[in-house]
Amino acid sequence: MSRVSWRIGYSEATQFDPIDLEEKIQRIISEAKQEFLEQQVVSLSEKMDKLKEEWSPVITKNFTNKVVDLSPVQQSVLFIVL
């Protein structure tokens, strides 16, 4: 899972093109949306297994999925909350 981080700063001395800025923001949103949609093909259990593997040097996590019949979007939202 990639992480997106950005900072937009403005001071009176800074010259910027508001149209260029808007295009850059739209591109970031579009890329984030595409990444989110691509993640919908991965099940909640698979995401949790990967999370467990990535964090195993730091924490021990036990995950039991007792929720059934969640849509892929619901699974992704639940994963974000977890």
PDB file of N, CA and C in Angstrom:
ATOM      1  N   MET A   1       0.855  -1.165   0.000  1.00  0.00           N
ATOM      2  CA  MET A   1       0.000   0.000   0.000  1.00  0.00           C
ATOM      3  C   MET A   1       0.899   1.225   0.000  1.00  0.00           C
ATOM      4  N   SER A   2       0.668   2.108  -0.886  1.00  0.00           N
ATOM      5  CA  SER A   2       1.480   3.308  -0.930  1.00  0.00           C
ATOM      6  C   SER A   2       0.852   4.389  -0.060  1.00  0.00           C
ATOM      7  N   ARG A   3       1.664   5.284   0.342  1.00  0.00           N
ATOM      8  CA  ARG A   3       1.217   6.410   1.154  1.00  0.00           C
ATOM      9  C   ARG A   3       1.398   7.688   0.334  1.00  0.00           C
ATOM     10  N   VAL A   4       0.413   8.541   0.362  1.00  0.00           N
ATOM     11  CA  VAL A   4       0.493   9.806  -0.362  1.00  0.00           C
ATOM     12  C   VAL A   4       0.548  10.925   0.656  1.00  0.00           C
ATOM     13  N   SER A   5       1.537  11.774   0.503  1.00  0.00           N
ATOM     14  CA  SER A   5       1.699  12.902   1.403  1.00  0.00           C
ATOM     15  C   SER A   5       2.051  14.117   0.559  1.00  0.00           C
ATOM     16  N   TRP A   6       1.401  15.242   0.850  1.00  0.00           N
ATOM     17  CA  TRP A   6       1.708  16.450   0.101  1.00  0.00           C
ATOM     18  C   TRP A   6       1.424  17.669   0.934  1.00  0.00           C
ATOM     19  N   ARG A   7       2.096  18.733   0.572  1.00  0.00           N
ATOM     20  CA  ARG A   7       1.945  19.986   1.302  1.00  0.00           C
ATOM     21  C   ARG A   7       1.830  21.107   0.278  1.00  0.00           C
ATOM     22  N   ILE A   8       0.874  21.943   0.476  1.00  0.00           N
ATOM     23  CA  ILE A   8       0.714  23.112  -0.377  1.00  0.00           C
ATOM     24  C   ILE A   8       0.901  24.340   0.487  1.00  0.00           C
ATOM     25  N   GLY A   9       1.867  25.142   0.129  1.00  0.00           N
ATOM     26  CA  GLY A   9       2.124  26.359   0.882  1.00  0.00           C
ATOM     27  C   GLY A   9       2.029  27.566  -0.045  1.00  0.00           C
ATOM     28  N   TYR A  10       1.716  28.681   0.513  1.00  0.00           N
ATOM     29  CA  TYR A  10       1.612  29.906  -0.277  1.00  0.00           C
ATOM     30  C   TYR A  10       2.064  31.087   0.565  1.00  0.00           C
ATOM     31  N   SER A  11       2.881  31.882  -0.022  1.00  0.00           N
ATOM     32  CA  SER A  11       3.223  33.168   0.594  1.00  0.00           C
ATOM     33  C   SER A  11       3.092  34.219  -0.492  1.00  0.00           C
ATOM     34  N   GLU A  12       3.030  35.459  -0.090  1.00  0.00           N
ATOM     35  CA  GLU A  12       2.839  36.531  -1.069  1.00  0.00           C
ATOM     36  C   GLU A  12       3.978  36.585  -2.072  1.00  0.00           C
ATOM     37  N   ALA A  13       5.170  36.135  -1.673  1.00  0.00           N
ATOM     38  CA  ALA A  13       6.317  36.167  -2.575  1.00  0.00           C
ATOM     39  C   ALA A  13       6.277  35.015  -3.579  1.00  0.00           C
ATOM     40  N   THR A  14       5.440  34.038  -3.328  1.00  0.00           N
ATOM     41  CA  THR A  14       5.364  32.875  -4.197  1.00  0.00           C
ATOM     42  C   THR A  14       4.500  33.171  -5.406  1.00  0.00           C
ATOM     43  N   GLN A  15       5.028  32.877  -6.577  1.00  0.00           N
ATOM     44  CA  GLN A  15       4.267  33.004  -7.805  1.00  0.00           C
ATOM     45  C   GLN A  15       3.785  31.616  -8.194  1.00  0.00           C
ATOM     46  N   PHE A  16       2.504  31.457  -8.447  1.00  0.00           N
ATOM     47  CA  PHE A  16       2.011  30.169  -8.907  1.00  0.00           C
ATOM     48  C   PHE A  16       0.851  30.382  -9.843  1.00  0.00           C
ATOM     49  N   ASP A  17       0.649  29.368 -10.641  1.00  0.00           N
ATOM     50  CA  ASP A  17      -0.439  29.382 -11.609  1.00  0.00           C
ATOM     51  C   ASP A  17      -1.603  28.606 -10.996  1.00  0.00           C
ATOM     52  N   PRO A  18      -2.712  29.255 -10.663  1.00  0.00           N
ATOM     53  CA  PRO A  18      -3.823  28.549 -10.021  1.00  0.00           C
ATOM     54  C   PRO A  18      -4.379  27.422 -10.893  1.00  0.00           C
ATOM     55  N   ILE A  19      -4.318  27.558 -12.190  1.00  0.00           N
ATOM     56  CA  ILE A  19      -4.802  26.497 -13.073  1.00  0.00           C
ATOM     57  C   ILE A  19      -3.879  25.291 -12.974  1.00  0.00           C
ATOM     58  N   ASP A  20      -2.556  25.536 -12.944  1.00  0.00           N
ATOM     59  CA  ASP A  20      -1.587  24.452 -12.804  1.00  0.00           C
ATOM     60  C   ASP A  20      -1.782  23.749 -11.457  1.00  0.00           C
ATOM     61  N   LEU A  21      -1.990  24.520 -10.412  1.00  0.00           N
ATOM     62  CA  LEU A  21      -2.209  23.951  -9.080  1.00  0.00           C
ATOM     63  C   LEU A  21      -3.461  23.078  -9.076  1.00  0.00           C
ATOM     64  N   GLU A  22      -4.536  23.575  -9.674  1.00  0.00           N
ATOM     65  CA  GLU A  22      -5.777  22.805  -9.729  1.00  0.00           C
ATOM     66  C   GLU A  22      -5.569  21.496 -10.499  1.00  0.00           C
ATOM     67  N   GLU A  23      -4.830  21.555 -11.605  1.00  0.00           N
ATOM     68  CA  GLU A  23      -4.564  20.340 -12.381  1.00  0.00           C
ATOM     69  C   GLU A  23      -3.770  19.329 -11.566  1.00  0.00           C
ATOM     70  N   LYS A  24      -2.790  19.801 -10.809  1.00  0.00           N
ATOM     71  CA  LYS A  24      -1.991  18.903  -9.967  1.00  0.00           C
ATOM     72  C   LYS A  24      -2.853  18.263  -8.886  1.00  0.00           C
ATOM     73  N   ILE A  25      -3.719  19.047  -8.261  1.00  0.00           N
ATOM     74  CA  ILE A  25      -4.606  18.501  -7.227  1.00  0.00           C
ATOM     75  C   ILE A  25      -5.563  17.476  -7.832  1.00  0.00           C
ATOM     76  N   GLN A  26      -6.107  17.780  -8.998  1.00  0.00           N
ATOM     77  CA  GLN A  26      -7.012  16.837  -9.671  1.00  0.00           C
ATOM     78  C   GLN A  26      -6.284  15.534 -10.003  1.00  0.00           C
ATOM     79  N   ARG A  27      -5.016  15.629 -10.418  1.00  0.00           N
ATOM     80  CA  ARG A  27      -4.239  14.427 -10.733  1.00  0.00           C
ATOM     81  C   ARG A  27      -4.019  13.587  -9.473  1.00  0.00           C
ATOM     82  N   ILE A  28      -3.701  14.223  -8.358  1.00  0.00           N
ATOM     83  CA  ILE A  28      -3.506  13.510  -7.094  1.00  0.00           C
ATOM     84  C   ILE A  28      -4.790  12.790  -6.693  1.00  0.00           C
ATOM     85  N   ILE A  29      -5.911  13.476  -6.800  1.00  0.00           N
ATOM     86  CA  ILE A  29      -7.204  12.871  -6.458  1.00  0.00           C
ATOM     87  C   ILE A  29      -7.501  11.698  -7.385  1.00  0.00           C
ATOM     88  N   SER A  30      -7.253  11.865  -8.662  1.00  0.00           N
ATOM     89  CA  SER A  30      -7.499  10.806  -9.633  1.00  0.00           C
ATOM     90  C   SER A  30      -6.635   9.579  -9.350  1.00  0.00           C
ATOM     91  N   GLU A  31      -5.353   9.802  -9.038  1.00  0.00           N
ATOM     92  CA  GLU A  31      -4.460   8.690  -8.720  1.00  0.00           C
ATOM     93  C   GLU A  31      -4.896   7.978  -7.440  1.00  0.00           C
ATOM     94  N   ALA A  32      -5.305   8.739  -6.443  1.00  0.00           N
ATOM     95  CA  ALA A  32      -5.767   8.135  -5.186  1.00  0.00           C
ATOM     96  C   ALA A  32      -7.036   7.314  -5.425  1.00  0.00           C
ATOM     97  N   LYS A  33      -7.932   7.834  -6.244  1.00  0.00           N
ATOM     98  CA  LYS A  33      -9.163   7.108  -6.567  1.00  0.00           C
ATOM     99  C   LYS A  33      -8.834   5.810  -7.289  1.00  0.00           C
ATOM    100  N   GLN A  34      -7.931   5.875  -8.258  1.00  0.00           N
ATOM    101  CA  GLN A  34      -7.547   4.674  -9.005  1.00  0.00           C
ATOM    102  C   GLN A  34      -6.932   3.631  -8.081  1.00  0.00           C
ATOM    103  N   GLU A  35      -6.056   4.062  -7.187  1.00  0.00           N
ATOM    104  CA  GLU A  35      -5.442   3.134  -6.241  1.00  0.00           C
ATOM    105  C   GLU A  35      -6.502   2.508  -5.340  1.00  0.00           C
ATOM    106  N   PHE A  36      -7.452   3.314  -4.873  1.00  0.00           N
ATOM    107  CA  PHE A  36      -8.520   2.790  -4.029  1.00  0.00           C
ATOM    108  C   PHE A  36      -9.322   1.733  -4.785  1.00  0.00           C
ATOM    109  N   LEU A  37      -9.665   2.017  -6.041  1.00  0.00           N
ATOM    110  CA  LEU A  37     -10.445   1.064  -6.832  1.00  0.00           C
ATOM    111  C   LEU A  37      -9.665  -0.217  -7.089  1.00  0.00           C
ATOM    112  N   GLU A  38      -8.377  -0.103  -7.317  1.00  0.00           N
ATOM    113  CA  GLU A  38      -7.549  -1.298  -7.534  1.00  0.00           C
ATOM    114  C   GLU A  38      -7.507  -2.170  -6.284  1.00  0.00           C
ATOM    115  N   GLN A  39      -7.582  -1.565  -5.126  1.00  0.00           N
ATOM    116  CA  GLN A  39      -7.536  -2.322  -3.873  1.00  0.00           C
ATOM    117  C   GLN A  39      -8.823  -3.086  -3.612  1.00  0.00           C
ATOM    118  N   GLN A  40      -9.874  -2.774  -4.352  1.00  0.00           N
ATOM    119  CA  GLN A  40     -11.153  -3.439  -4.126  1.00  0.00           C
ATOM    120  C   GLN A  40     -11.103  -4.923  -4.493  1.00  0.00           C
ATOM    121  N   VAL A  41     -10.132  -5.331  -5.288  1.00  0.00           N
ATOM    122  CA  VAL A  41     -10.042  -6.735  -5.695  1.00  0.00           C
ATOM    123  C   VAL A  41      -9.366  -7.591  -4.628  1.00  0.00           C
ATOM    124  N   VAL A  42      -8.783  -6.950  -3.618  1.00  0.00           N
ATOM    125  CA  VAL A  42      -8.116  -7.670  -2.538  1.00  0.00           C
ATOM    126  C   VAL A  42      -9.092  -7.810  -1.376  1.00  0.00           C
ATOM    127  N   SER A  43      -9.267  -9.036  -0.901  1.00  0.00           N
ATOM    128  CA  SER A  43     -10.227  -9.273   0.190  1.00  0.00           C
ATOM    129  C   SER A  43      -9.717  -8.686   1.502  1.00  0.00           C
ATOM    130  N   LEU A  44     -10.646  -8.493   2.421  1.00  0.00           N
ATOM    131  CA  LEU A  44     -10.306  -7.984   3.748  1.00  0.00           C
ATOM    132  C   LEU A  44      -9.309  -8.910   4.433  1.00  0.00           C
ATOM    133  N   SER A  45      -9.521 -10.218   4.321  1.00  0.00           N
ATOM    134  CA  SER A  45      -8.606 -11.183   4.950  1.00  0.00           C
ATOM    135  C   SER A  45      -7.200 -11.053   4.386  1.00  0.00           C
ATOM    136  N   GLU A  46      -7.089 -10.874   3.067  1.00  0.00           N
ATOM    137  CA  GLU A  46      -5.772 -10.721   2.446  1.00  0.00           C
ATOM    138  C   GLU A  46      -5.098  -9.431   2.922  1.00  0.00           C
ATOM    139  N   LYS A  47      -5.875  -8.364   3.020  1.00  0.00           N
ATOM    140  CA  LYS A  47      -5.323  -7.091   3.497  1.00  0.00           C
ATOM    141  C   LYS A  47      -4.836  -7.229   4.937  1.00  0.00           C
ATOM    142  N   MET A  48      -5.621  -7.904   5.761  1.00  0.00           N
ATOM    143  CA  MET A  48      -5.235  -8.070   7.159  1.00  0.00           C
ATOM    144  C   MET A  48      -4.005  -8.958   7.290  1.00  0.00           C
ATOM    145  N   ASP A  49      -3.900  -9.996   6.455  1.00  0.00           N
ATOM    146  CA  ASP A  49      -2.711 -10.860   6.470  1.00  0.00           C
ATOM    147  C   ASP A  49      -1.459 -10.055   6.113  1.00  0.00           C
ATOM    148  N   LYS A  50      -1.582  -9.195   5.108  1.00  0.00           N
ATOM    149  CA  LYS A  50      -0.446  -8.366   4.703  1.00  0.00           C
ATOM    150  C   LYS A  50      -0.076  -7.395   5.818  1.00  0.00           C
ATOM    151  N   LEU A  51      -1.082  -6.806   6.451  1.00  0.00           N
ATOM    152  CA  LEU A  51      -0.833  -5.883   7.555  1.00  0.00           C
ATOM    153  C   LEU A  51      -0.114  -6.607   8.697  1.00  0.00           C
ATOM    154  N   LYS A  52      -0.584  -7.804   9.005  1.00  0.00           N
ATOM    155  CA  LYS A  52       0.033  -8.601  10.067  1.00  0.00           C
ATOM    156  C   LYS A  52       1.496  -8.878   9.739  1.00  0.00           C
ATOM    157  N   GLU A  53       1.768  -9.234   8.494  1.00  0.00           N
ATOM    158  CA  GLU A  53       3.138  -9.520   8.063  1.00  0.00           C
ATOM    159  C   GLU A  53       4.022  -8.281   8.151  1.00  0.00           C
ATOM    160  N   GLU A  54       3.504  -7.145   7.663  1.00  0.00           N
ATOM    161  CA  GLU A  54       4.287  -5.911   7.657  1.00  0.00           C
ATOM    162  C   GLU A  54       4.622  -5.426   9.063  1.00  0.00           C
ATOM    163  N   TRP A  55       3.695  -5.622  10.001  1.00  0.00           N
ATOM    164  CA  TRP A  55       3.875  -5.110  11.356  1.00  0.00           C
ATOM    165  C   TRP A  55       4.402  -6.149  12.338  1.00  0.00           C
ATOM    166  N   SER A  56       4.663  -7.371  11.877  1.00  0.00           N
ATOM    167  CA  SER A  56       5.077  -8.444  12.782  1.00  0.00           C
ATOM    168  C   SER A  56       6.320  -8.126  13.616  1.00  0.00           C
ATOM    169  N   PRO A  57       7.289  -7.358  13.105  1.00  0.00           N
ATOM    170  CA  PRO A  57       8.427  -7.035  13.973  1.00  0.00           C
ATOM    171  C   PRO A  57       8.067  -6.108  15.136  1.00  0.00           C
ATOM    172  N   VAL A  58       6.925  -5.423  15.026  1.00  0.00           N
ATOM    173  CA  VAL A  58       6.574  -4.407  16.013  1.00  0.00           C
ATOM    174  C   VAL A  58       5.449  -4.858  16.941  1.00  0.00           C
ATOM    175  N   ILE A  59       4.402  -5.468  16.359  1.00  0.00           N
ATOM    176  CA  ILE A  59       3.240  -5.866  17.158  1.00  0.00           C
ATOM    177  C   ILE A  59       2.778  -7.267  16.755  1.00  0.00           C
ATOM    178  N   THR A  60       2.037  -7.881  17.657  1.00  0.00           N
ATOM    179  CA  THR A  60       1.361  -9.136  17.352  1.00  0.00           C
ATOM    180  C   THR A  60      -0.111  -8.820  17.209  1.00  0.00           C
ATOM    181  N   LYS A  61      -0.668  -9.185  16.083  1.00  0.00           N
ATOM    182  CA  LYS A  61      -2.065  -8.879  15.790  1.00  0.00           C
ATOM    183  C   LYS A  61      -2.811 -10.175  15.517  1.00  0.00           C
ATOM    184  N   ASN A  62      -3.931 -10.346  16.174  1.00  0.00           N
ATOM    185  CA  ASN A  62      -4.814 -11.470  15.895  1.00  0.00           C
ATOM    186  C   ASN A  62      -6.086 -10.907  15.297  1.00  0.00           C
ATOM    187  N   PHE A  63      -6.496 -11.473  14.185  1.00  0.00           N
ATOM    188  CA  PHE A  63      -7.658 -10.970  13.460  1.00  0.00           C
ATOM    189  C   PHE A  63      -8.598 -12.126  13.165  1.00  0.00           C
ATOM    190  N   THR A  64      -9.836 -11.981  13.593  1.00  0.00           N
ATOM    191  CA  THR A  64     -10.874 -12.958  13.280  1.00  0.00           C
ATOM    192  C   THR A  64     -11.988 -12.227  12.573  1.00  0.00           C
ATOM    193  N   ASN A  65     -12.289 -12.663  11.373  1.00  0.00           N
ATOM    194  CA  ASN A  65     -13.320 -12.015  10.583  1.00  0.00           C
ATOM    195  C   ASN A  65     -14.654 -12.705  10.846  1.00  0.00           C
ATOM    196  N   LYS A  66     -15.494 -12.070  11.640  1.00  0.00           N
ATOM    197  CA  LYS A  66     -16.818 -12.612  11.936  1.00  0.00           C
ATOM    198  C   LYS A  66     -17.906 -11.887  11.155  1.00  0.00           C
ATOM    199  N   VAL A  67     -17.495 -10.940  10.332  1.00  0.00           N
ATOM    200  CA  VAL A  67     -18.437 -10.186   9.518  1.00  0.00           C
ATOM    201  C   VAL A  67     -18.546 -10.879   8.167  1.00  0.00           C
ATOM    202  N   VAL A  68     -19.770 -11.110   7.734  1.00  0.00           N
ATOM    203  CA  VAL A  68     -19.981 -11.784   6.446  1.00  0.00           C
ATOM    204  C   VAL A  68     -20.745 -10.884   5.503  1.00  0.00           C
ATOM    205  N   ASP A  69     -20.617 -11.196   4.240  1.00  0.00           N
ATOM    206  CA  ASP A  69     -21.372 -10.513   3.189  1.00  0.00           C
ATOM    207  C   ASP A  69     -21.137  -9.010   3.114  1.00  0.00           C
ATOM    208  N   LEU A  70     -19.893  -8.606   3.270  1.00  0.00           N
ATOM    209  CA  LEU A  70     -19.561  -7.204   3.067  1.00  0.00           C
ATOM    210  C   LEU A  70     -19.165  -7.006   1.609  1.00  0.00           C
ATOM    211  N   SER A  71     -19.586  -5.900   1.041  1.00  0.00           N
ATOM    212  CA  SER A  71     -19.172  -5.575  -0.319  1.00  0.00           C
ATOM    213  C   SER A  71     -17.679  -5.224  -0.302  1.00  0.00           C
ATOM    214  N   PRO A  72     -17.025  -5.257  -1.448  1.00  0.00           N
ATOM    215  CA  PRO A  72     -15.609  -4.869  -1.479  1.00  0.00           C
ATOM    216  C   PRO A  72     -15.355  -3.463  -0.939  1.00  0.00           C
ATOM    217  N   VAL A  73     -16.241  -2.536  -1.214  1.00  0.00           N
ATOM    218  CA  VAL A  73     -16.074  -1.174  -0.698  1.00  0.00           C
ATOM    219  C   VAL A  73     -16.215  -1.169   0.821  1.00  0.00           C
ATOM    220  N   GLN A  74     -17.186  -1.889   1.357  1.00  0.00           N
ATOM    221  CA  GLN A  74     -17.365  -1.966   2.810  1.00  0.00           C
ATOM    222  C   GLN A  74     -16.131  -2.597   3.464  1.00  0.00           C
ATOM    223  N   GLN A  75     -15.583  -3.626   2.821  1.00  0.00           N
ATOM    224  CA  GLN A  75     -14.367  -4.244   3.355  1.00  0.00           C
ATOM    225  C   GLN A  75     -13.214  -3.251   3.394  1.00  0.00           C
ATOM    226  N   SER A  76     -13.082  -2.450   2.339  1.00  0.00           N
ATOM    227  CA  SER A  76     -11.999  -1.464   2.297  1.00  0.00           C
ATOM    228  C   SER A  76     -12.171  -0.398   3.369  1.00  0.00           C
ATOM    229  N   VAL A  77     -13.395   0.058   3.561  1.00  0.00           N
ATOM    230  CA  VAL A  77     -13.651   1.057   4.599  1.00  0.00           C
ATOM    231  C   VAL A  77     -13.355   0.470   5.977  1.00  0.00           C
ATOM    232  N   LEU A  78     -13.763  -0.762   6.214  1.00  0.00           N
ATOM    233  CA  LEU A  78     -13.489  -1.411   7.490  1.00  0.00           C
ATOM    234  C   LEU A  78     -11.980  -1.528   7.710  1.00  0.00           C
ATOM    235  N   PHE A  79     -11.248  -1.894   6.667  1.00  0.00           N
ATOM    236  CA  PHE A  79      -9.801  -1.999   6.767  1.00  0.00           C
ATOM    237  C   PHE A  79      -9.179  -0.649   7.127  1.00  0.00           C
ATOM    238  N   ILE A  80      -9.654   0.415   6.519  1.00  0.00           N
ATOM    239  CA  ILE A  80      -9.142   1.748   6.813  1.00  0.00           C
ATOM    240  C   ILE A  80      -9.381   2.080   8.284  1.00  0.00           C
ATOM    241  N   VAL A  81     -10.565   1.737   8.792  1.00  0.00           N
ATOM    242  CA  VAL A  81     -10.888   2.001  10.191  1.00  0.00           C
ATOM    243  C   VAL A  81      -9.978   1.187  11.109  1.00  0.00           C
ATOM    244  N   LEU A  82      -9.760  -0.084  10.760  1.00  0.00           N
ATOM    245  CA  LEU A  82      -8.892  -0.920  11.575  1.00  0.00           C
ATOM    246  C   LEU A  82      -7.474  -0.396  11.560  1.00  0.00           C
TER     247      LEU A  82
END
